[in-house]
Amino acid sequence: MKKTNFTLLIGFVLASTLMTFLKGLIVGLCFSPDTLHNFKGIKYIGYFALMATVYLMVAFLVAILVKRTGLFIIIYFVLVVIFDSLLWLGLTFKQNQVGYFTFRSCRFFSA
């Protein structure tokens, strides 16, 4: 892995994590006047940073292995969207609790 590409990857992760933290802080301050309760779910920011890093590293690995752009987009879509959903569905089948520890269950916007 080239040093400049890895630095860019970490820069994207840090920038998106900082933006997510600031948006959460602003919304928390707008809807909750008590500032002590605003940092109750701060651990989810770390989960977000970990997930962003993993997804970007998978994308970087697939980009190294596949040189064609169209094929890369198809393979990355299959890996991230379809395979991740099928993995979560298979691991939570018949009330099995193992699927709740995958990345799909940690997504912030899945209600």
C-alpha atoms as a PDB file:
ATOM      1  CA  MET A   1       0.000   0.000   0.000  1.00  0.00           C
ATOM      2  CA  LYS A   2       1.441   3.332  -1.003  1.00  0.00           C
ATOM      3  CA  LYS A   3       2.032   5.801   1.782  1.00  0.00           C
ATOM      4  CA  THR A   4       0.194   8.630   0.026  1.00  0.00           C
ATOM      5  CA  ASN A   5      -2.893   6.504  -0.596  1.00  0.00           C
ATOM      6  CA  PHE A   6      -2.981   5.332   3.009  1.00  0.00           C
ATOM      7  CA  THR A   7      -2.575   8.913   4.233  1.00  0.00           C
ATOM      8  CA  LEU A   8      -5.449   9.986   2.000  1.00  0.00           C
ATOM      9  CA  LEU A   9      -7.572   7.101   3.329  1.00  0.00           C
ATOM     10  CA  ILE A  10      -6.889   8.082   6.948  1.00  0.00           C
ATOM     11  CA  GLY A  11      -7.564  11.730   6.069  1.00  0.00           C
ATOM     12  CA  PHE A  12     -10.982  10.821   4.656  1.00  0.00           C
ATOM     13  CA  VAL A  13     -11.783   8.770   7.759  1.00  0.00           C
ATOM     14  CA  LEU A  14     -10.740  11.562  10.121  1.00  0.00           C
ATOM     15  CA  ALA A  15     -12.638  14.206   8.137  1.00  0.00           C
ATOM     16  CA  SER A  16     -15.851  12.169   7.992  1.00  0.00           C
ATOM     17  CA  THR A  17     -15.571  11.251  11.678  1.00  0.00           C
ATOM     18  CA  LEU A  18     -15.061  14.879  12.650  1.00  0.00           C
ATOM     19  CA  MET A  19     -18.047  15.944  10.540  1.00  0.00           C
ATOM     20  CA  THR A  20     -20.204  13.225  12.107  1.00  0.00           C
ATOM     21  CA  PHE A  21     -19.125  14.273  15.600  1.00  0.00           C
ATOM     22  CA  LEU A  22     -19.851  17.945  14.925  1.00  0.00           C
ATOM     23  CA  LYS A  23     -23.268  17.216  13.397  1.00  0.00           C
ATOM     24  CA  GLY A  24     -24.173  15.052  16.371  1.00  0.00           C
ATOM     25  CA  LEU A  25     -22.970  17.720  18.786  1.00  0.00           C
ATOM     26  CA  ILE A  26     -24.962  20.461  17.064  1.00  0.00           C
ATOM     27  CA  VAL A  27     -28.139  18.387  16.920  1.00  0.00           C
ATOM     28  CA  GLY A  28     -27.623  17.306  20.532  1.00  0.00           C
ATOM     29  CA  LEU A  29     -27.237  20.881  21.697  1.00  0.00           C
ATOM     30  CA  CYS A  30     -30.302  21.982  19.741  1.00  0.00           C
ATOM     31  CA  PHE A  31     -32.641  19.326  21.095  1.00  0.00           C
ATOM     32  CA  SER A  32     -31.244  18.755  24.579  1.00  0.00           C
ATOM     33  CA  PRO A  33     -30.377  21.690  26.815  1.00  0.00           C
ATOM     34  CA  ASP A  34     -28.590  19.411  29.292  1.00  0.00           C
ATOM     35  CA  THR A  35     -25.003  19.121  28.059  1.00  0.00           C
ATOM     36  CA  LEU A  36     -24.174  16.077  30.200  1.00  0.00           C
ATOM     37  CA  HIS A  37     -26.452  13.818  28.154  1.00  0.00           C
ATOM     38  CA  ASN A  38     -24.978  14.896  24.820  1.00  0.00           C
ATOM     39  CA  PHE A  39     -21.920  12.667  25.193  1.00  0.00           C
ATOM     40  CA  LYS A  40     -23.758   9.561  26.343  1.00  0.00           C
ATOM     41  CA  GLY A  41     -23.396   7.761  22.980  1.00  0.00           C
ATOM     42  CA  ILE A  42     -19.882   8.951  22.131  1.00  0.00           C
ATOM     43  CA  LYS A  43     -18.715   5.356  21.581  1.00  0.00           C
ATOM     44  CA  TYR A  44     -20.720   5.252  18.341  1.00  0.00           C
ATOM     45  CA  ILE A  45     -18.350   7.814  16.829  1.00  0.00           C
ATOM     46  CA  GLY A  46     -15.549   5.289  17.282  1.00  0.00           C
ATOM     47  CA  TYR A  47     -17.692   2.593  15.667  1.00  0.00           C
ATOM     48  CA  PHE A  48     -18.311   4.940  12.752  1.00  0.00           C
ATOM     49  CA  ALA A  49     -14.565   5.570  12.339  1.00  0.00           C
ATOM     50  CA  LEU A  50     -13.835   1.835  12.450  1.00  0.00           C
ATOM     51  CA  MET A  51     -16.526   1.041   9.878  1.00  0.00           C
ATOM     52  CA  ALA A  52     -15.392   3.849   7.577  1.00  0.00           C
ATOM     53  CA  THR A  53     -11.806   2.595   7.778  1.00  0.00           C
ATOM     54  CA  VAL A  54     -12.819  -0.991   7.022  1.00  0.00           C
ATOM     55  CA  TYR A  55     -15.006  -0.034   4.066  1.00  0.00           C
ATOM     56  CA  LEU A  56     -12.339   2.230   2.584  1.00  0.00           C
ATOM     57  CA  MET A  57      -9.628  -0.423   3.032  1.00  0.00           C
ATOM     58  CA  VAL A  58     -11.830  -3.022   1.319  1.00  0.00           C
ATOM     59  CA  ALA A  59     -12.388  -0.565  -1.517  1.00  0.00           C
ATOM     60  CA  PHE A  60      -8.653   0.079  -1.732  1.00  0.00           C
ATOM     61  CA  LEU A  61      -7.867  -3.650  -1.791  1.00  0.00           C
ATOM     62  CA  VAL A  62     -10.414  -4.309  -4.534  1.00  0.00           C
ATOM     63  CA  ALA A  63      -9.076  -1.317  -6.497  1.00  0.00           C
ATOM     64  CA  ILE A  64      -5.575  -2.782  -6.346  1.00  0.00           C
ATOM     65  CA  LEU A  65      -6.754  -6.226  -7.448  1.00  0.00           C
ATOM     66  CA  VAL A  66      -9.125  -5.011 -10.194  1.00  0.00           C
ATOM     67  CA  LYS A  67      -7.765  -2.450 -12.626  1.00  0.00           C
ATOM     68  CA  ARG A  68     -10.979  -1.791 -14.581  1.00  0.00           C
ATOM     69  CA  THR A  69     -13.223   0.873 -13.094  1.00  0.00           C
ATOM     70  CA  GLY A  70     -16.585  -0.599 -14.120  1.00  0.00           C
ATOM     71  CA  LEU A  71     -15.692  -4.051 -12.838  1.00  0.00           C
ATOM     72  CA  PHE A  72     -14.408  -2.516  -9.598  1.00  0.00           C
ATOM     73  CA  ILE A  73     -17.722  -0.737  -8.978  1.00  0.00           C
ATOM     74  CA  ILE A  74     -19.688  -3.949  -9.561  1.00  0.00           C
ATOM     75  CA  ILE A  75     -17.430  -6.046  -7.312  1.00  0.00           C
ATOM     76  CA  TYR A  76     -17.416  -3.435  -4.524  1.00  0.00           C
ATOM     77  CA  PHE A  77     -21.222  -3.128  -4.712  1.00  0.00           C
ATOM     78  CA  VAL A  78     -21.580  -6.895  -4.424  1.00  0.00           C
ATOM     79  CA  LEU A  79     -19.155  -7.080  -1.506  1.00  0.00           C
ATOM     80  CA  VAL A  80     -20.513  -4.193   0.526  1.00  0.00           C
ATOM     81  CA  VAL A  81     -24.229  -4.165  -0.165  1.00  0.00           C
ATOM     82  CA  ILE A  82     -25.278  -7.643  -1.184  1.00  0.00           C
ATOM     83  CA  PHE A  83     -22.740  -9.850   0.624  1.00  0.00           C
ATOM     84  CA  ASP A  84     -22.969  -7.826   3.845  1.00  0.00           C
ATOM     85  CA  SER A  85     -26.779  -8.029   3.836  1.00  0.00           C
ATOM     86  CA  LEU A  86     -26.773 -11.761   3.076  1.00  0.00           C
ATOM     87  CA  LEU A  87     -24.198 -12.373   5.808  1.00  0.00           C
ATOM     88  CA  TRP A  88     -26.317 -10.477   8.353  1.00  0.00           C
ATOM     89  CA  LEU A  89     -29.484 -12.273   7.238  1.00  0.00           C
ATOM     90  CA  GLY A  90     -27.817 -15.688   7.471  1.00  0.00           C
ATOM     91  CA  LEU A  91     -26.339 -15.016  10.882  1.00  0.00           C
ATOM     92  CA  THR A  92     -29.624 -13.756  12.361  1.00  0.00           C
ATOM     93  CA  PHE A  93     -31.761 -16.546  10.918  1.00  0.00           C
ATOM     94  CA  LYS A  94     -33.951 -18.319  13.491  1.00  0.00           C
ATOM     95  CA  GLN A  95     -33.186 -15.893  16.330  1.00  0.00           C
ATOM     96  CA  ASN A  96     -29.440 -16.506  16.239  1.00  0.00           C
ATOM     97  CA  GLN A  97     -27.654 -13.616  17.985  1.00  0.00           C
ATOM     98  CA  VAL A  98     -24.345 -13.867  16.089  1.00  0.00           C
ATOM     99  CA  GLY A  99     -25.554 -11.609  13.243  1.00  0.00           C
ATOM    100  CA  TYR A 100     -26.018  -8.681  15.559  1.00  0.00           C
ATOM    101  CA  PHE A 101     -22.239  -8.396  15.917  1.00  0.00           C
ATOM    102  CA  THR A 102     -21.627  -7.721  12.209  1.00  0.00           C
ATOM    103  CA  PHE A 103     -21.116  -4.251  10.732  1.00  0.00           C
ATOM    104  CA  ARG A 104     -24.635  -4.199   9.296  1.00  0.00           C
ATOM    105  CA  SER A 105     -26.184  -4.102  12.762  1.00  0.00           C
ATOM    106  CA  CYS A 106     -23.961  -1.185  13.820  1.00  0.00           C
ATOM    107  CA  ARG A 107     -25.075   1.172  11.055  1.00  0.00           C
ATOM    108  CA  PHE A 108     -26.348   4.439  12.389  1.00  0.00           C
ATOM    109  CA  PHE A 109     -29.180   5.043   9.970  1.00  0.00           C
ATOM    110  CA  SER A 110     -30.776   1.584  10.038  1.00  0.00           C
ATOM    111  CA  ALA A 111     -33.745   1.844  12.315  1.00  0.00           C
END
